[in-house]
Amino acid sequence: MTTDERVRCPWAVDGPGSSLYRDYHDYEWGRPLHGRDELFERLSLEAFQSGLSWLTILRKREAFRVAFRGFDVDAVARFTQADVERLLADAGIVRNRRKIEAVIANAQAVLGLPTDLDSLLWSFAPPRRARRWNTVEAIPAVTPESTAMARELKRHGFRFVGPTTAYALMQATGMVDDHLESCWVSLGSRHSEKGSTQESATRT
């Protein structure tokens, strides 16, 4: 069986000649992700995605990484107004002043946390469900855990982190498993060699 013959979540559909969305679904989305800067990147990109399609963000992700110094929290926290203007002139990213300023403010908020970002975010991960959802329509957009996460992040000064964005982050980073019951991506495949290689490739 080739990869193209596998049954996937119905949103993982690419245009002709592209495998970007499919590969993101197969080897990144829903896999447990840890690390301060790695989670800060996902949180930042989810904020930029607000009001846009995730595919738009994926296509611009490498440009985002260059523009935001690899989403190194220490580096982004030192960004100045000159950096904001630089980013607003960067056609490779989403040029939204409020979102850009939010990412910088969020980096500063990370440094002010009483605990590390990884521990804070993962503390809201619910117990693993016994079964996956059968349809996309059954998947929630907001949960009590995502609402609590958003509330706690806002309490620490984070911006663009509402309950819906928080739940999208939880889905993307494996805090919840929202692959459908019919999807080929199994819990056992989360640590597959190919999956690890794909994730490494996206970080270089």
Protein backbone atom coordinates (compact mmCIF):
# COMPACT_ATOMS: atom_id res chain seq x y z
CA MET A 1 0.00 0.00 0.00
CA THR A 2 1.37 3.39 -0.95
CA THR A 3 1.00 6.43 1.26
CA ASP A 4 -1.55 7.91 -1.19
CA GLU A 5 -3.86 4.92 -0.71
CA ARG A 6 -4.06 5.32 3.05
CA VAL A 7 -7.26 6.54 4.67
CA ARG A 8 -6.76 9.93 6.29
CA CYS A 9 -8.73 12.56 8.13
CA PRO A 10 -10.77 14.30 5.40
CA TRP A 11 -9.14 17.70 5.93
CA ALA A 12 -5.72 16.41 4.79
CA VAL A 13 -6.26 17.21 1.12
CA ASP A 14 -3.66 18.90 -1.07
CA GLY A 15 -3.90 20.55 -4.42
CA PRO A 16 -2.31 18.94 -7.49
CA GLY A 17 1.43 18.43 -7.17
CA SER A 18 1.57 19.17 -3.43
CA SER A 19 1.93 16.91 -0.40
CA LEU A 20 2.36 19.66 2.20
CA TYR A 21 -0.96 19.18 4.00
CA ARG A 22 -0.81 15.40 3.73
CA ASP A 23 2.69 15.23 5.18
CA TYR A 24 1.78 17.60 8.00
CA HIS A 25 -1.19 15.38 8.86
CA ASP A 26 0.79 12.14 8.57
CA TYR A 27 3.96 13.06 10.42
CA GLU A 28 3.33 16.10 12.64
CA TRP A 29 -0.29 16.81 13.56
CA GLY A 30 -1.30 15.10 16.78
CA ARG A 31 2.16 13.88 17.70
CA PRO A 32 3.34 14.75 21.22
CA LEU A 33 5.59 17.81 21.02
CA HIS A 34 7.76 19.12 23.85
CA GLY A 35 10.31 21.89 24.27
CA ARG A 36 9.97 25.56 25.10
CA ASP A 37 10.85 27.00 21.71
CA GLU A 38 9.04 24.24 19.80
CA LEU A 39 5.80 24.88 21.69
CA PHE A 40 6.28 28.64 21.43
CA GLU A 41 6.53 28.26 17.65
CA ARG A 42 3.28 26.30 17.48
CA LEU A 43 1.54 28.76 19.78
CA SER A 44 2.73 31.65 17.63
CA LEU A 45 1.69 30.05 14.36
CA GLU A 46 -1.74 29.19 15.76
CA ALA A 47 -2.13 32.86 16.66
CA PHE A 48 -1.14 33.91 13.13
CA GLN A 49 -3.62 31.38 11.73
CA SER A 50 -6.58 33.12 13.38
CA GLY A 51 -8.95 34.09 10.58
CA LEU A 52 -6.86 32.29 7.94
CA SER A 53 -6.46 28.74 6.69
CA TRP A 54 -3.82 26.54 8.31
CA LEU A 55 -2.52 25.70 4.84
CA THR A 56 -1.62 29.37 4.39
CA ILE A 57 0.49 29.20 7.55
CA LEU A 58 2.16 25.95 6.52
CA ARG A 59 3.20 27.45 3.21
CA LYS A 60 4.77 30.39 5.03
CA ARG A 61 6.25 28.44 7.95
CA GLU A 62 9.86 28.50 6.81
CA ALA A 63 9.63 32.25 6.20
CA PHE A 64 8.15 32.66 9.69
CA ARG A 65 11.07 30.72 11.17
CA VAL A 66 13.59 32.94 9.46
CA ALA A 67 11.74 36.12 10.39
CA PHE A 68 11.33 35.13 14.04
CA ARG A 69 14.87 33.78 14.55
CA GLY A 70 13.75 30.16 14.71
CA PHE A 71 11.18 31.13 17.37
CA ASP A 72 13.92 31.25 19.97
CA VAL A 73 12.06 32.75 22.93
CA ASP A 74 15.06 34.69 24.22
CA ALA A 75 15.69 36.25 20.80
CA VAL A 76 12.06 37.15 20.09
CA ALA A 77 11.62 38.65 23.57
CA ARG A 78 14.35 41.18 22.66
CA PHE A 79 12.63 42.33 19.46
CA THR A 80 12.18 46.09 19.23
CA GLN A 81 9.90 48.40 17.29
CA ALA A 82 12.45 48.23 14.49
CA ASP A 83 11.85 44.48 14.32
CA VAL A 84 8.11 45.05 14.18
CA GLU A 85 8.60 47.33 11.16
CA ARG A 86 10.96 44.77 9.61
CA LEU A 87 8.35 42.05 9.99
CA LEU A 88 5.58 44.25 8.60
CA ALA A 89 7.69 44.66 5.45
CA ASP A 90 8.33 40.90 5.10
CA ALA A 91 6.06 39.59 2.33
CA GLY A 92 6.92 36.00 3.27
CA ILE A 93 4.85 36.08 6.46
CA VAL A 94 1.42 37.26 7.55
CA ARG A 95 1.85 41.01 7.97
CA ASN A 96 -0.53 41.79 10.79
CA ARG A 97 0.74 44.29 13.34
CA ARG A 98 -1.41 43.05 16.22
CA LYS A 99 -0.34 39.44 15.70
CA ILE A 100 3.34 40.36 15.32
CA GLU A 101 3.27 42.43 18.49
CA ALA A 102 1.40 39.61 20.26
CA VAL A 103 4.13 37.09 19.43
CA ILE A 104 6.78 39.41 20.85
CA ALA A 105 4.70 40.04 23.96
CA ASN A 106 4.13 36.30 24.32
CA ALA A 107 7.87 35.62 24.20
CA GLN A 108 8.33 38.10 27.01
CA ALA A 109 5.48 36.44 28.90
CA VAL A 110 7.19 33.03 28.53
CA LEU A 111 10.28 34.42 30.23
CA GLY A 112 8.14 35.70 33.07
CA LEU A 113 6.38 32.42 33.78
CA PRO A 114 6.91 30.87 37.22
CA THR A 115 7.34 27.50 35.48
CA ASP A 116 8.50 26.40 32.03
CA LEU A 117 6.12 26.73 29.09
CA ASP A 118 6.22 23.01 28.35
CA SER A 119 5.02 22.03 31.82
CA LEU A 120 2.38 24.74 31.89
CA LEU A 121 0.80 23.82 28.56
CA TRP A 122 0.91 20.07 29.09
CA SER A 123 -0.69 20.42 32.51
CA PHE A 124 -3.97 21.03 30.65
CA ALA A 125 -3.80 17.85 28.57
CA PRO A 126 -6.86 15.71 29.35
CA PRO A 127 -6.72 11.92 29.84
CA ARG A 128 -6.55 10.02 26.56
CA ARG A 129 -9.98 9.06 25.27
CA ALA A 130 -10.74 5.35 24.93
CA ARG A 131 -11.84 5.78 21.31
CA ARG A 132 -11.28 8.29 18.57
CA TRP A 133 -14.04 10.36 17.01
CA ASN A 134 -15.85 8.82 14.04
CA THR A 135 -16.55 12.06 12.17
CA VAL A 136 -14.99 15.49 11.86
CA GLU A 137 -18.31 17.00 12.96
CA ALA A 138 -17.97 15.28 16.34
CA ILE A 139 -14.64 16.96 17.12
CA PRO A 140 -15.06 19.95 19.45
CA ALA A 141 -13.63 23.39 18.72
CA VAL A 142 -13.41 24.29 22.40
CA THR A 143 -13.15 22.15 25.54
CA PRO A 144 -13.05 22.89 29.27
CA GLU A 145 -9.31 22.19 29.17
CA SER A 146 -8.66 24.61 26.31
CA THR A 147 -10.76 27.25 28.02
CA ALA A 148 -8.74 26.80 31.20
CA MET A 149 -5.47 26.93 29.27
CA ALA A 150 -6.46 30.16 27.51
CA ARG A 151 -7.52 31.71 30.80
CA GLU A 152 -4.22 30.84 32.46
CA LEU A 153 -2.14 32.09 29.54
CA LYS A 154 -4.03 35.38 29.48
CA ARG A 155 -3.49 35.70 33.23
CA HIS A 156 0.24 35.64 32.51
CA GLY A 157 0.00 38.28 29.79
CA PHE A 158 -0.32 36.17 26.64
CA ARG A 159 -2.28 37.53 23.67
CA PHE A 160 -4.22 35.86 20.84
CA VAL A 161 -4.74 32.74 22.93
CA GLY A 162 -8.50 32.22 23.12
CA PRO A 163 -10.07 28.83 23.86
CA THR A 164 -10.35 27.91 20.16
CA THR A 165 -6.69 28.73 19.50
CA ALA A 166 -5.73 26.82 22.64
CA TYR A 167 -7.61 23.74 21.47
CA ALA A 168 -6.02 23.92 18.02
CA LEU A 169 -2.66 23.96 19.80
CA MET A 170 -3.67 20.94 21.87
CA GLN A 171 -4.64 19.07 18.69
CA ALA A 172 -1.45 20.00 16.84
CA THR A 173 0.93 19.07 19.66
CA GLY A 174 -0.61 15.77 20.68
CA MET A 175 -2.23 16.87 23.93
CA VAL A 176 -5.36 15.35 22.43
CA ASP A 177 -5.67 12.78 19.66
CA ASP A 178 -8.22 14.01 17.13
CA HIS A 179 -7.28 11.78 14.24
CA LEU A 180 -10.44 9.96 13.24
CA GLU A 181 -11.11 6.31 14.01
CA SER A 182 -10.70 5.47 10.30
CA CYS A 183 -7.40 7.36 9.92
CA TRP A 184 -4.26 5.30 9.25
CA VAL A 185 -2.18 7.33 11.72
CA SER A 186 -2.14 5.14 14.81
CA LEU A 187 -0.73 5.67 18.27
CA GLY A 188 1.93 3.12 17.44
CA SER A 189 3.05 5.13 14.38
CA ARG A 190 3.72 8.27 16.42
CA HIS A 191 7.31 7.19 17.02
CA SER A 192 7.95 5.65 13.61
CA GLU A 193 11.32 6.24 12.01
CA LYS A 194 9.76 8.07 9.08
CA GLY A 195 7.76 10.29 11.39
CA SER A 196 10.86 11.21 13.36
CA THR A 197 12.72 11.97 10.16
CA GLN A 198 9.91 14.17 8.88
CA GLU A 199 9.76 16.16 12.11
CA SER A 200 13.53 16.64 12.09
CA ALA A 201 13.40 17.82 8.51
CA THR A 202 10.90 20.54 9.37
CA ARG A 203 13.21 21.89 12.07
CA THR A 204 16.22 22.37 9.79
